[in-house]
Every structure is written in C-alpha cells, then in structure tokens.
Amino acid sequence: TFPGGTVREYEITGPSGRYLVWEWFWVNGRLLTDPRSVKIQTALHLMRGLGDESLAWFLWTPMDVPPDAARTRIVAAANSLQAAARMARSD
C-alpha cells in the first residue's frame, strides 16, 4: 500500500527486463482497485447527474533494486502525481 490507499501490484517480465507495476483507479474523489467497483461508481455518479471524474493509474519501475526500494520509487511518483491531480481538480 501507499499513503493514498491500496493498489494492485504486479511483477512483469519483458524483453527489456523485470518491472514492478502498480494499478489503481481514482473515481470522483475515491481510490479504488477493483475495475468492477469503478464501473459501478461511475454509473451511479452518471445516473445522479454528478458527472464522471475518473483516472486509471499505472506506475512501473525497473526491478533493478530490491522490491522495497522499487516500491519506494513508485510511492514517490504516486504521491507527486496525485498532488498534481488534486491541484488540477481544484482549478
């Protein structure tokens, strides 16, 4: 997890190496990890006339360091991106 909530974590391997991947969603101010919940929350907000403010977040980093160090890199990036998203939303 990171300070914003829970995420889905994957480790993938491709031609260019191994990567740690985090996935989560932001829907109308709420952090979600289950794609089905995202659909339900989006539909409920649309039916209530509240609009659809949502983002799908995917962050990854090379696994060139131990897993905890890779997670630390992703946490720093996630916190920075979420701060920017909150600022953009308040405009």
C-alpha atoms as a PDB file:
ATOM      1  CA  THR A   1       0.000   0.000   0.000  1.00  0.00           C
ATOM      2  CA  PHE A   2       0.939   3.649  -0.219  1.00  0.00           C
ATOM      3  CA  PRO A   3      -0.355   6.693   1.688  1.00  0.00           C
ATOM      4  CA  GLY A   4      -3.252   7.145  -0.762  1.00  0.00           C
ATOM      5  CA  GLY A   5      -4.676   3.656  -0.222  1.00  0.00           C
ATOM      6  CA  THR A   6      -4.382   0.150  -1.560  1.00  0.00           C
ATOM      7  CA  VAL A   7      -3.122  -0.715  -5.036  1.00  0.00           C
ATOM      8  CA  ARG A   8      -2.870  -3.817  -7.187  1.00  0.00           C
ATOM      9  CA  GLU A   9       0.748  -4.858  -7.587  1.00  0.00           C
ATOM     10  CA  TYR A  10       2.198  -6.891 -10.429  1.00  0.00           C
ATOM     11  CA  GLU A  11       5.657  -8.030 -11.366  1.00  0.00           C
ATOM     12  CA  ILE A  12       6.102  -8.416 -15.096  1.00  0.00           C
ATOM     13  CA  THR A  13       8.990  -9.561 -17.241  1.00  0.00           C
ATOM     14  CA  GLY A  14       9.540  -8.453 -20.793  1.00  0.00           C
ATOM     15  CA  PRO A  15      12.332  -8.226 -23.347  1.00  0.00           C
ATOM     16  CA  SER A  16      13.821  -5.214 -21.548  1.00  0.00           C
ATOM     17  CA  GLY A  17      13.751  -6.722 -18.045  1.00  0.00           C
ATOM     18  CA  ARG A  18      11.608  -7.069 -14.934  1.00  0.00           C
ATOM     19  CA  TYR A  19       9.248  -4.357 -13.720  1.00  0.00           C
ATOM     20  CA  LEU A  20       7.167  -3.693 -10.658  1.00  0.00           C
ATOM     21  CA  VAL A  21       3.749  -2.321 -11.675  1.00  0.00           C
ATOM     22  CA  TRP A  22       1.081  -0.650  -9.531  1.00  0.00           C
ATOM     23  CA  GLU A  23      -2.502  -0.166 -10.695  1.00  0.00           C
ATOM     24  CA  TRP A  24      -5.375   1.717  -9.110  1.00  0.00           C
ATOM     25  CA  PHE A  25      -8.258   3.986 -10.045  1.00  0.00           C
ATOM     26  CA  TRP A  26      -9.469   7.367  -8.868  1.00  0.00           C
ATOM     27  CA  VAL A  27     -13.205   7.887  -9.347  1.00  0.00           C
ATOM     28  CA  ASN A  28     -14.936  11.056  -8.213  1.00  0.00           C
ATOM     29  CA  GLY A  29     -12.521  11.549  -5.337  1.00  0.00           C
ATOM     30  CA  ARG A  30     -12.323   7.902  -4.236  1.00  0.00           C
ATOM     31  CA  LEU A  31      -9.434   5.482  -4.662  1.00  0.00           C
ATOM     32  CA  LEU A  32     -10.486   2.058  -5.947  1.00  0.00           C
ATOM     33  CA  THR A  33      -8.606  -1.073  -7.000  1.00  0.00           C
ATOM     34  CA  ASP A  34     -11.404  -3.266  -8.378  1.00  0.00           C
ATOM     35  CA  PRO A  35     -12.367  -2.497 -12.002  1.00  0.00           C
ATOM     36  CA  ARG A  36     -15.946  -3.639 -11.304  1.00  0.00           C
ATOM     37  CA  SER A  37     -16.259  -1.092  -8.488  1.00  0.00           C
ATOM     38  CA  VAL A  38     -15.018   1.572 -10.879  1.00  0.00           C
ATOM     39  CA  LYS A  39     -17.795   0.762 -13.344  1.00  0.00           C
ATOM     40  CA  ILE A  40     -20.446   0.737 -10.613  1.00  0.00           C
ATOM     41  CA  GLN A  41     -19.302   4.021  -9.054  1.00  0.00           C
ATOM     42  CA  THR A  42     -19.079   5.698 -12.457  1.00  0.00           C
ATOM     43  CA  ALA A  43     -22.576   4.523 -13.404  1.00  0.00           C
ATOM     44  CA  LEU A  44     -24.030   5.689 -10.069  1.00  0.00           C
ATOM     45  CA  HIS A  45     -22.480   9.140 -10.432  1.00  0.00           C
ATOM     46  CA  LEU A  46     -23.713   9.471 -14.003  1.00  0.00           C
ATOM     47  CA  MET A  47     -27.253   8.409 -13.039  1.00  0.00           C
ATOM     48  CA  ARG A  48     -27.229  11.009 -10.246  1.00  0.00           C
ATOM     49  CA  GLY A  49     -26.095  13.696 -12.686  1.00  0.00           C
ATOM     50  CA  LEU A  50     -22.757  14.115 -10.916  1.00  0.00           C
ATOM     51  CA  GLY A  51     -20.598  13.539 -13.982  1.00  0.00           C
ATOM     52  CA  ASP A  52     -17.609  11.264 -14.438  1.00  0.00           C
ATOM     53  CA  GLU A  53     -14.270  12.300 -12.986  1.00  0.00           C
ATOM     54  CA  SER A  54     -12.040   9.263 -13.195  1.00  0.00           C
ATOM     55  CA  LEU A  55      -8.461   8.252 -13.798  1.00  0.00           C
ATOM     56  CA  ALA A  56      -6.743   4.914 -14.274  1.00  0.00           C
ATOM     57  CA  TRP A  57      -3.270   4.955 -12.722  1.00  0.00           C
ATOM     58  CA  PHE A  58      -0.470   2.637 -13.815  1.00  0.00           C
ATOM     59  CA  LEU A  59       3.019   3.213 -12.496  1.00  0.00           C
ATOM     60  CA  TRP A  60       6.004   0.979 -13.060  1.00  0.00           C
ATOM     61  CA  THR A  61       9.668   0.908 -12.260  1.00  0.00           C
ATOM     62  CA  PRO A  62      12.506  -1.416 -13.215  1.00  0.00           C
ATOM     63  CA  MET A  63      13.272  -4.188 -10.721  1.00  0.00           C
ATOM     64  CA  ASP A  64      16.953  -3.245 -10.754  1.00  0.00           C
ATOM     65  CA  VAL A  65      16.814  -2.840  -6.972  1.00  0.00           C
ATOM     66  CA  PRO A  66      15.234  -4.899  -4.163  1.00  0.00           C
ATOM     67  CA  PRO A  67      11.385  -4.883  -4.188  1.00  0.00           C
ATOM     68  CA  ASP A  68      11.088  -2.495  -1.214  1.00  0.00           C
ATOM     69  CA  ALA A  69      13.344   0.038  -2.926  1.00  0.00           C
ATOM     70  CA  ALA A  70      11.279  -0.258  -6.123  1.00  0.00           C
ATOM     71  CA  ARG A  71       8.111   0.322  -4.074  1.00  0.00           C
ATOM     72  CA  THR A  72       9.673   3.418  -2.522  1.00  0.00           C
ATOM     73  CA  ARG A  73      10.268   4.830  -6.024  1.00  0.00           C
ATOM     74  CA  ILE A  74       6.670   4.151  -7.021  1.00  0.00           C
ATOM     75  CA  VAL A  75       5.318   5.715  -3.816  1.00  0.00           C
ATOM     76  CA  ALA A  76       7.272   8.907  -4.508  1.00  0.00           C
ATOM     77  CA  ALA A  77       5.968   9.079  -8.073  1.00  0.00           C
ATOM     78  CA  ALA A  78       2.387   8.283  -6.996  1.00  0.00           C
ATOM     79  CA  ASN A  79       2.380  10.976  -4.329  1.00  0.00           C
ATOM     80  CA  SER A  80       3.694  13.532  -6.801  1.00  0.00           C
ATOM     81  CA  LEU A  81       1.116  12.630  -9.453  1.00  0.00           C
ATOM     82  CA  GLN A  82      -1.777  12.616  -7.011  1.00  0.00           C
ATOM     83  CA  ALA A  83      -0.797  16.042  -5.692  1.00  0.00           C
ATOM     84  CA  ALA A  84      -0.806  17.352  -9.259  1.00  0.00           C
ATOM     85  CA  ALA A  85      -4.205  15.738  -9.921  1.00  0.00           C
ATOM     86  CA  ARG A  86      -5.701  17.342  -6.810  1.00  0.00           C
ATOM     87  CA  MET A  87      -4.383  20.749  -7.855  1.00  0.00           C
ATOM     88  CA  ALA A  88      -5.810  20.332 -11.364  1.00  0.00           C
ATOM     89  CA  ARG A  89      -9.163  19.293  -9.937  1.00  0.00           C
ATOM     90  CA  SER A  90      -9.391  22.387  -7.742  1.00  0.00           C
ATOM     91  CA  ASP A  91      -8.956  24.756 -10.719  1.00  0.00           C
END
